[in-house]
Amino acid sequence: KVFLTMADKTEGMQESVAHMATLLKDQTTLFYYPMPEESH
């Protein structure tokens, strides 16, 4: 089971975590939960 989150206010890092979520979504029980209201 994997939980990934990223604050959308953090420049250049959102795409990295989104890419990793795509890589893991079919191989794990993935909880990808972006939190745009937060900063790093």
All heavy atoms as atom14 arrays in JSON, in Angstrom:
{
  "sequence": "KVFLTMADKTEGMQESVAHMATLLKDQTTLFYYPMPEESH",
  "atom14_mask": [
    [1, 1, 1, 1, 1, 1, 1, 1, 1, 0, 0, 0, 0, 0],
    [1, 1, 1, 1, 1, 1, 1, 0, 0, 0, 0, 0, 0, 0],
    [1, 1, 1, 1, 1, 1, 1, 1, 1, 1, 1, 0, 0, 0],
    [1, 1, 1, 1, 1, 1, 1, 1, 0, 0, 0, 0, 0, 0],
    [1, 1, 1, 1, 1, 1, 1, 0, 0, 0, 0, 0, 0, 0],
    [1, 1, 1, 1, 1, 1, 1, 1, 0, 0, 0, 0, 0, 0],
    [1, 1, 1, 1, 1, 0, 0, 0, 0, 0, 0, 0, 0, 0],
    [1, 1, 1, 1, 1, 1, 1, 1, 0, 0, 0, 0, 0, 0],
    [1, 1, 1, 1, 1, 1, 1, 1, 1, 0, 0, 0, 0, 0],
    [1, 1, 1, 1, 1, 1, 1, 0, 0, 0, 0, 0, 0, 0],
    [1, 1, 1, 1, 1, 1, 1, 1, 1, 0, 0, 0, 0, 0],
    [1, 1, 1, 1, 0, 0, 0, 0, 0, 0, 0, 0, 0, 0],
    [1, 1, 1, 1, 1, 1, 1, 1, 0, 0, 0, 0, 0, 0],
    [1, 1, 1, 1, 1, 1, 1, 1, 1, 0, 0, 0, 0, 0],
    [1, 1, 1, 1, 1, 1, 1, 1, 1, 0, 0, 0, 0, 0],
    [1, 1, 1, 1, 1, 1, 0, 0, 0, 0, 0, 0, 0, 0],
    [1, 1, 1, 1, 1, 1, 1, 0, 0, 0, 0, 0, 0, 0],
    [1, 1, 1, 1, 1, 0, 0, 0, 0, 0, 0, 0, 0, 0],
    [1, 1, 1, 1, 1, 1, 1, 1, 1, 1, 0, 0, 0, 0],
    [1, 1, 1, 1, 1, 1, 1, 1, 0, 0, 0, 0, 0, 0],
    [1, 1, 1, 1, 1, 0, 0, 0, 0, 0, 0, 0, 0, 0],
    [1, 1, 1, 1, 1, 1, 1, 0, 0, 0, 0, 0, 0, 0],
    [1, 1, 1, 1, 1, 1, 1, 1, 0, 0, 0, 0, 0, 0],
    [1, 1, 1, 1, 1, 1, 1, 1, 0, 0, 0, 0, 0, 0],
    [1, 1, 1, 1, 1, 1, 1, 1, 1, 0, 0, 0, 0, 0],
    [1, 1, 1, 1, 1, 1, 1, 1, 0, 0, 0, 0, 0, 0],
    [1, 1, 1, 1, 1, 1, 1, 1, 1, 0, 0, 0, 0, 0],
    [1, 1, 1, 1, 1, 1, 1, 0, 0, 0, 0, 0, 0, 0],
    [1, 1, 1, 1, 1, 1, 1, 0, 0, 0, 0, 0, 0, 0],
    [1, 1, 1, 1, 1, 1, 1, 1, 0, 0, 0, 0, 0, 0],
    [1, 1, 1, 1, 1, 1, 1, 1, 1, 1, 1, 0, 0, 0],
    [1, 1, 1, 1, 1, 1, 1, 1, 1, 1, 1, 1, 0, 0],
    [1, 1, 1, 1, 1, 1, 1, 1, 1, 1, 1, 1, 0, 0],
    [1, 1, 1, 1, 1, 1, 1, 0, 0, 0, 0, 0, 0, 0],
    [1, 1, 1, 1, 1, 1, 1, 1, 0, 0, 0, 0, 0, 0],
    [1, 1, 1, 1, 1, 1, 1, 0, 0, 0, 0, 0, 0, 0],
    [1, 1, 1, 1, 1, 1, 1, 1, 1, 0, 0, 0, 0, 0],
    [1, 1, 1, 1, 1, 1, 1, 1, 1, 0, 0, 0, 0, 0],
    [1, 1, 1, 1, 1, 1, 0, 0, 0, 0, 0, 0, 0, 0],
    [1, 1, 1, 1, 1, 1, 1, 1, 1, 1, 0, 0, 0, 0]
  ],
  "atom14_positions": [
    [[0.86, -1.19, 0.0], [0.0, 0.0, 0.0], [0.9, 1.24, 0.0], [1.83, 1.34, 0.79], [-0.92, 0.0, 1.21], [-1.85, -1.21, 1.29], [-2.95, -1.04, 2.31], [-2.44, -0.93, 3.74], [-1.85, -2.19, 4.22], [0.0, 0.0, 0.0], [0.0, 0.0, 0.0], [0.0, 0.0, 0.0], [0.0, 0.0, 0.0], [0.0, 0.0, 0.0]],
    [[0.59, 2.16, -0.89], [1.44, 3.34, -1.08], [0.58, 4.59, -1.04], [-0.47, 4.66, -1.69], [2.19, 3.26, -2.43], [3.07, 4.5, -2.63], [3.03, 1.99, -2.51], [0.0, 0.0, 0.0], [0.0, 0.0, 0.0], [0.0, 0.0, 0.0], [0.0, 0.0, 0.0], [0.0, 0.0, 0.0], [0.0, 0.0, 0.0], [0.0, 0.0, 0.0]],
    [[1.06, 5.58, -0.29], [0.42, 6.9, -0.27], [1.41, 7.92, -0.79], [2.53, 8.04, -0.3], [0.01, 7.27, 1.17], [-0.6, 8.64, 1.28], [-1.97, 8.82, 1.12], [0.19, 9.75, 1.55], [-2.53, 10.09, 1.23], [-0.36, 11.02, 1.66], [-1.73, 11.19, 1.5], [0.0, 0.0, 0.0], [0.0, 0.0, 0.0], [0.0, 0.0, 0.0]],
    [[0.99, 8.67, -1.8], [1.79, 9.74, -2.37], [0.98, 11.04, -2.34], [-0.19, 11.04, -2.7], [2.18, 9.44, -3.82], [3.18, 8.32, -4.1], [3.32, 8.13, -5.6], [4.53, 8.63, -3.48], [0.0, 0.0, 0.0], [0.0, 0.0, 0.0], [0.0, 0.0, 0.0], [0.0, 0.0, 0.0], [0.0, 0.0, 0.0], [0.0, 0.0, 0.0]],
    [[1.62, 12.11, -1.93], [0.98, 13.41, -2.01], [2.0, 14.47, -2.36], [3.2, 14.29, -2.15], [0.28, 13.77, -0.68], [-0.46, 14.98, -0.85], [1.29, 13.98, 0.44], [0.0, 0.0, 0.0], [0.0, 0.0, 0.0], [0.0, 0.0, 0.0], [0.0, 0.0, 0.0], [0.0, 0.0, 0.0], [0.0, 0.0, 0.0], [0.0, 0.0, 0.0]],
    [[1.5, 15.56, -2.92], [2.37, 16.67, -3.32], [1.56, 17.96, -3.26], [0.39, 17.98, -3.61], [2.9, 16.45, -4.73], [3.66, 17.63, -5.3], [4.99, 18.22, -4.25], [5.98, 16.75, -4.14], [0.0, 0.0, 0.0], [0.0, 0.0, 0.0], [0.0, 0.0, 0.0], [0.0, 0.0, 0.0], [0.0, 0.0, 0.0], [0.0, 0.0, 0.0]],
    [[2.2, 19.0, -2.79], [1.56, 20.32, -2.76], [1.75, 20.99, -4.12], [2.87, 21.12, -4.6], [2.18, 21.17, -1.65], [0.0, 0.0, 0.0], [0.0, 0.0, 0.0], [0.0, 0.0, 0.0], [0.0, 0.0, 0.0], [0.0, 0.0, 0.0], [0.0, 0.0, 0.0], [0.0, 0.0, 0.0], [0.0, 0.0, 0.0], [0.0, 0.0, 0.0]],
    [[0.68, 21.42, -4.72], [0.77, 22.01, -6.05], [1.48, 23.36, -6.06], [1.82, 23.87, -7.12], [-0.63, 22.18, -6.66], [-1.16, 20.88, -7.22], [-0.37, 19.93, -7.33], [-2.35, 20.8, -7.54], [0.0, 0.0, 0.0], [0.0, 0.0, 0.0], [0.0, 0.0, 0.0], [0.0, 0.0, 0.0], [0.0, 0.0, 0.0], [0.0, 0.0, 0.0]],
    [[1.68, 23.95, -4.88], [2.4, 25.22, -4.82], [3.91, 25.04, -4.92], [4.66, 26.0, -4.95], [2.06, 25.95, -3.52], [0.6, 26.38, -3.43], [0.32, 27.07, -2.11], [-1.15, 27.46, -1.99], [-1.45, 28.11, -0.69], [0.0, 0.0, 0.0], [0.0, 0.0, 0.0], [0.0, 0.0, 0.0], [0.0, 0.0, 0.0], [0.0, 0.0, 0.0]],
    [[4.37, 23.8, -4.96], [5.79, 23.54, -5.02], [6.2, 23.39, -6.48], [5.89, 22.4, -7.13], [6.15, 22.25, -4.25], [5.6, 22.35, -2.93], [7.64, 22.05, -4.16], [0.0, 0.0, 0.0], [0.0, 0.0, 0.0], [0.0, 0.0, 0.0], [0.0, 0.0, 0.0], [0.0, 0.0, 0.0], [0.0, 0.0, 0.0], [0.0, 0.0, 0.0]],
    [[6.9, 24.36, -7.0], [7.21, 24.39, -8.42], [8.09, 23.22, -8.84], [9.06, 22.87, -8.18], [7.94, 25.69, -8.76], [7.03, 26.9, -8.82], [7.77, 28.1, -9.35], [8.75, 27.92, -10.12], [7.36, 29.22, -9.02], [0.0, 0.0, 0.0], [0.0, 0.0, 0.0], [0.0, 0.0, 0.0], [0.0, 0.0, 0.0], [0.0, 0.0, 0.0]],
    [[7.72, 22.59, -9.94], [8.55, 21.57, -10.55], [8.47, 20.2, -9.91], [9.06, 19.25, -10.43], [0.0, 0.0, 0.0], [0.0, 0.0, 0.0], [0.0, 0.0, 0.0], [0.0, 0.0, 0.0], [0.0, 0.0, 0.0], [0.0, 0.0, 0.0], [0.0, 0.0, 0.0], [0.0, 0.0, 0.0], [0.0, 0.0, 0.0], [0.0, 0.0, 0.0]],
    [[7.75, 20.06, -8.8], [7.71, 18.77, -8.12], [6.4, 18.03, -8.34], [6.33, 16.81, -8.18], [7.95, 18.96, -6.61], [9.33, 19.52, -6.3], [9.61, 19.85, -4.55], [9.69, 18.17, -3.89], [0.0, 0.0, 0.0], [0.0, 0.0, 0.0], [0.0, 0.0, 0.0], [0.0, 0.0, 0.0], [0.0, 0.0, 0.0], [0.0, 0.0, 0.0]],
    [[5.35, 18.75, -8.72], [4.06, 18.1, -8.93], [4.15, 17.02, -10.01], [3.64, 15.91, -9.85], [2.98, 19.11, -9.32], [2.91, 20.32, -8.39], [3.68, 21.49, -8.95], [4.85, 21.36, -9.3], [3.05, 22.65, -9.03], [0.0, 0.0, 0.0], [0.0, 0.0, 0.0], [0.0, 0.0, 0.0], [0.0, 0.0, 0.0], [0.0, 0.0, 0.0]],
    [[4.81, 17.37, -11.11], [4.9, 16.44, -12.23], [5.67, 15.19, -11.85], [5.35, 14.08, -12.3], [5.55, 17.12, -13.43], [4.76, 18.27, -14.03], [4.95, 19.57, -13.27], [5.77, 19.59, -12.32], [4.29, 20.57, -13.63], [0.0, 0.0, 0.0], [0.0, 0.0, 0.0], [0.0, 0.0, 0.0], [0.0, 0.0, 0.0], [0.0, 0.0, 0.0]],
    [[6.7, 15.35, -11.02], [7.51, 14.2, -10.61], [6.68, 13.18, -9.85], [6.75, 11.97, -10.09], [8.69, 14.66, -9.75], [9.56, 15.47, -10.47], [0.0, 0.0, 0.0], [0.0, 0.0, 0.0], [0.0, 0.0, 0.0], [0.0, 0.0, 0.0], [0.0, 0.0, 0.0], [0.0, 0.0, 0.0], [0.0, 0.0, 0.0], [0.0, 0.0, 0.0]],
    [[5.89, 13.67, -8.9], [5.08, 12.77, -8.09], [3.94, 12.17, -8.91], [3.6, 10.99, -8.77], [4.55, 13.5, -6.84], [3.69, 12.56, -6.01], [5.72, 14.01, -6.01], [0.0, 0.0, 0.0], [0.0, 0.0, 0.0], [0.0, 0.0, 0.0], [0.0, 0.0, 0.0], [0.0, 0.0, 0.0], [0.0, 0.0, 0.0], [0.0, 0.0, 0.0]],
    [[3.36, 12.95, -9.8], [2.31, 12.43, -10.67], [2.85, 11.31, -11.55], [2.18, 10.29, -11.78], [1.73, 13.56, -11.52], [0.0, 0.0, 0.0], [0.0, 0.0, 0.0], [0.0, 0.0, 0.0], [0.0, 0.0, 0.0], [0.0, 0.0, 0.0], [0.0, 0.0, 0.0], [0.0, 0.0, 0.0], [0.0, 0.0, 0.0], [0.0, 0.0, 0.0]],
    [[4.07, 11.48, -12.05], [4.69, 10.44, -12.88], [4.91, 9.17, -12.08], [4.65, 8.06, -12.56], [6.02, 10.96, -13.44], [6.64, 10.02, -14.43], [7.38, 8.91, -14.06], [6.66, 10.03, -15.79], [7.81, 8.28, -15.12], [7.4, 8.94, -16.2], [0.0, 0.0, 0.0], [0.0, 0.0, 0.0], [0.0, 0.0, 0.0], [0.0, 0.0, 0.0]],
    [[5.38, 9.31, -10.84], [5.6, 8.13, -10.0], [4.28, 7.43, -9.7], [4.21, 6.2, -9.68], [6.31, 8.54, -8.71], [6.62, 7.38, -7.76], [7.64, 6.06, -8.5], [9.16, 6.97, -8.87], [0.0, 0.0, 0.0], [0.0, 0.0, 0.0], [0.0, 0.0, 0.0], [0.0, 0.0, 0.0], [0.0, 0.0, 0.0], [0.0, 0.0, 0.0]],
    [[3.23, 8.2, -9.49], [1.92, 7.61, -9.24], [1.46, 6.78, -10.43], [0.9, 5.68, -10.27], [0.9, 8.72, -8.93], [0.0, 0.0, 0.0], [0.0, 0.0, 0.0], [0.0, 0.0, 0.0], [0.0, 0.0, 0.0], [0.0, 0.0, 0.0], [0.0, 0.0, 0.0], [0.0, 0.0, 0.0], [0.0, 0.0, 0.0], [0.0, 0.0, 0.0]],
    [[1.71, 7.28, -11.62], [1.35, 6.53, -12.83], [2.12, 5.23, -12.9], [1.57, 4.18, -13.27], [1.63, 7.37, -14.08], [0.85, 8.57, -14.03], [1.3, 6.61, -15.35], [0.0, 0.0, 0.0], [0.0, 0.0, 0.0], [0.0, 0.0, 0.0], [0.0, 0.0, 0.0], [0.0, 0.0, 0.0], [0.0, 0.0, 0.0], [0.0, 0.0, 0.0]],
    [[3.39, 5.26, -12.52], [4.23, 4.06, -12.54], [3.74, 3.0, -11.56], [3.79, 1.8, -11.84], [5.67, 4.45, -12.21], [6.7, 3.32, -12.13], [6.92, 2.69, -13.51], [8.02, 3.85, -11.58], [0.0, 0.0, 0.0], [0.0, 0.0, 0.0], [0.0, 0.0, 0.0], [0.0, 0.0, 0.0], [0.0, 0.0, 0.0], [0.0, 0.0, 0.0]],
    [[3.21, 3.45, -10.41], [2.88, 2.52, -9.33], [1.42, 2.09, -9.31], [1.08, 1.11, -8.62], [3.22, 3.16, -7.98], [4.7, 3.48, -7.73], [4.82, 4.23, -6.4], [5.53, 2.21, -7.7], [0.0, 0.0, 0.0], [0.0, 0.0, 0.0], [0.0, 0.0, 0.0], [0.0, 0.0, 0.0], [0.0, 0.0, 0.0], [0.0, 0.0, 0.0]],
    [[0.55, 2.77, -10.04], [-0.88, 2.56, -9.85], [-1.34, 1.14, -10.2], [-2.3, 0.64, -9.59], [-1.68, 3.58, -10.65], [-1.57, 3.43, -12.16], [-2.45, 4.46, -12.87], [-2.4, 4.29, -14.38], [-3.28, 5.28, -15.07], [0.0, 0.0, 0.0], [0.0, 0.0, 0.0], [0.0, 0.0, 0.0], [0.0, 0.0, 0.0], [0.0, 0.0, 0.0]],
    [[-0.69, 0.49, -11.13], [-1.11, -0.85, -11.52], [-0.38, -1.96, -10.75], [-0.72, -3.13, -10.9], [-0.88, -1.06, -13.03], [-1.77, -0.16, -13.87], [-2.89, 0.16, -13.43], [-1.33, 0.25, -14.97], [0.0, 0.0, 0.0], [0.0, 0.0, 0.0], [0.0, 0.0, 0.0], [0.0, 0.0, 0.0], [0.0, 0.0, 0.0], [0.0, 0.0, 0.0]],
    [[0.61, -1.58, -9.96], [1.41, -2.59, -9.26], [1.22, -2.58, -7.75], [1.67, -3.49, -7.06], [2.89, -2.38, -9.58], [3.2, -2.41, -11.07], [4.68, -2.56, -11.34], [5.33, -3.47, -10.83], [5.22, -1.66, -12.14], [0.0, 0.0, 0.0], [0.0, 0.0, 0.0], [0.0, 0.0, 0.0], [0.0, 0.0, 0.0], [0.0, 0.0, 0.0]],
    [[0.57, -1.54, -7.23], [0.36, -1.42, -5.79], [-1.08, -0.99, -5.53], [-1.81, -0.64, -6.45], [1.3, -0.35, -5.18], [0.91, 0.93, -5.67], [2.75, -0.62, -5.53], [0.0, 0.0, 0.0], [0.0, 0.0, 0.0], [0.0, 0.0, 0.0], [0.0, 0.0, 0.0], [0.0, 0.0, 0.0], [0.0, 0.0, 0.0], [0.0, 0.0, 0.0]],
    [[-1.45, -1.03, -4.26], [-2.68, -0.35, -3.84], [-2.28, 1.09, -3.57], [-1.71, 1.4, -2.53], [-3.27, -1.01, -2.58], [-3.58, -2.37, -2.86], [-4.54, -0.28, -2.16], [0.0, 0.0, 0.0], [0.0, 0.0, 0.0], [0.0, 0.0, 0.0], [0.0, 0.0, 0.0], [0.0, 0.0, 0.0], [0.0, 0.0, 0.0], [0.0, 0.0, 0.0]],
    [[-2.54, 1.93, -4.55], [-2.02, 3.3, -4.52], [-3.08, 4.29, -4.07], [-4.22, 4.26, -4.56], [-1.52, 3.7, -5.91], [-1.02, 5.14, -6.05], [0.26, 5.36, -5.25], [-0.81, 5.49, -7.52], [0.0, 0.0, 0.0], [0.0, 0.0, 0.0], [0.0, 0.0, 0.0], [0.0, 0.0, 0.0], [0.0, 0.0, 0.0], [0.0, 0.0, 0.0]],
    [[-2.7, 5.16, -3.16], [-3.51, 6.31, -2.77], [-2.72, 7.56, -3.17], [-1.76, 7.94, -2.5], [-3.76, 6.3, -1.26], [-4.52, 5.1, -0.77], [-3.84, 3.94, -0.43], [-5.89, 5.12, -0.66], [-4.53, 2.82, 0.04], [-6.59, 4.01, -0.21], [-5.91, 2.85, 0.14], [0.0, 0.0, 0.0], [0.0, 0.0, 0.0], [0.0, 0.0, 0.0]],
    [[-3.1, 8.13, -4.29], [-2.45, 9.35, -4.77], [-3.38, 10.5, -4.47], [-4.49, 10.58, -4.99], [-2.16, 9.24, -6.26], [-1.59, 10.5, -6.87], [-0.54, 11.19, -6.26], [-2.11, 11.0, -8.06], [-0.02, 12.35, -6.81], [-1.59, 12.16, -8.64], [-0.54, 12.83, -8.0], [-0.04, 13.99, -8.55], [0.0, 0.0, 0.0], [0.0, 0.0, 0.0]],
    [[-2.93, 11.4, -3.59], [-3.81, 12.42, -3.06], [-3.13, 13.78, -3.09], [-2.56, 14.24, -2.1], [-4.19, 12.05, -1.62], [-5.37, 12.81, -1.08], [-6.66, 12.4, -1.33], [-5.18, 13.95, -0.3], [-7.75, 13.1, -0.82], [-6.25, 14.67, 0.22], [-7.54, 14.23, -0.05], [-8.6, 14.92, 0.46], [0.0, 0.0, 0.0], [0.0, 0.0, 0.0]],
    [[-3.13, 14.47, -4.24], [-2.53, 15.81, -4.3], [-3.24, 16.77, -3.34], [-4.46, 16.68, -3.14], [-2.76, 16.23, -5.76], [-2.98, 14.96, -6.5], [-3.66, 14.04, -5.54], [0.0, 0.0, 0.0], [0.0, 0.0, 0.0], [0.0, 0.0, 0.0], [0.0, 0.0, 0.0], [0.0, 0.0, 0.0], [0.0, 0.0, 0.0], [0.0, 0.0, 0.0]],
    [[-2.47, 17.68, -2.75], [-3.03, 18.65, -1.8], [-2.68, 20.06, -2.27], [-1.71, 20.67, -1.79], [-2.5, 18.36, -0.4], [-2.82, 16.95, 0.08], [-2.25, 16.6, 1.77], [-3.48, 17.53, 2.71], [0.0, 0.0, 0.0], [0.0, 0.0, 0.0], [0.0, 0.0, 0.0], [0.0, 0.0, 0.0], [0.0, 0.0, 0.0], [0.0, 0.0, 0.0]],
    [[-3.43, 20.61, -3.23], [-3.09, 21.9, -3.83], [-3.18, 23.07, -2.86], [-2.63, 24.14, -3.11], [-4.1, 22.04, -4.96], [-5.25, 21.18, -4.56], [-4.64, 20.02, -3.84], [0.0, 0.0, 0.0], [0.0, 0.0, 0.0], [0.0, 0.0, 0.0], [0.0, 0.0, 0.0], [0.0, 0.0, 0.0], [0.0, 0.0, 0.0], [0.0, 0.0, 0.0]],
    [[-3.85, 22.87, -1.75], [-3.98, 23.96, -0.77], [-2.75, 24.11, 0.1], [-2.65, 25.07, 0.88], [-5.21, 23.7, 0.13], [-5.06, 22.56, 1.12], [-5.33, 21.19, 0.52], [-5.39, 21.08, -0.72], [-5.48, 20.23, 1.3], [0.0, 0.0, 0.0], [0.0, 0.0, 0.0], [0.0, 0.0, 0.0], [0.0, 0.0, 0.0], [0.0, 0.0, 0.0]],
    [[-1.79, 23.2, -0.01], [-0.61, 23.21, 0.84], [0.65, 23.58, 0.05], [0.68, 23.51, -1.18], [-0.39, 21.83, 1.47], [-1.56, 21.32, 2.31], [-1.77, 22.12, 3.57], [-0.87, 22.92, 3.95], [-2.84, 21.98, 4.2], [0.0, 0.0, 0.0], [0.0, 0.0, 0.0], [0.0, 0.0, 0.0], [0.0, 0.0, 0.0], [0.0, 0.0, 0.0]],
    [[1.7, 23.96, 0.78], [3.03, 24.17, 0.22], [3.94, 23.07, 0.74], [3.56, 22.29, 1.63], [3.58, 25.54, 0.62], [3.89, 25.55, 2.01], [0.0, 0.0, 0.0], [0.0, 0.0, 0.0], [0.0, 0.0, 0.0], [0.0, 0.0, 0.0], [0.0, 0.0, 0.0], [0.0, 0.0, 0.0], [0.0, 0.0, 0.0], [0.0, 0.0, 0.0]],
    [[5.14, 23.0, 0.22], [6.1, 22.0, 0.68], [6.36, 22.14, 2.18], [6.61, 21.15, 2.88], [7.41, 22.14, -0.1], [8.4, 21.06, 0.15], [8.2, 19.75, -0.26], [9.6, 21.07, 0.77], [9.24, 19.01, 0.09], [10.1, 19.79, 0.73], [0.0, 0.0, 0.0], [0.0, 0.0, 0.0], [0.0, 0.0, 0.0], [0.0, 0.0, 0.0]]
  ]
}
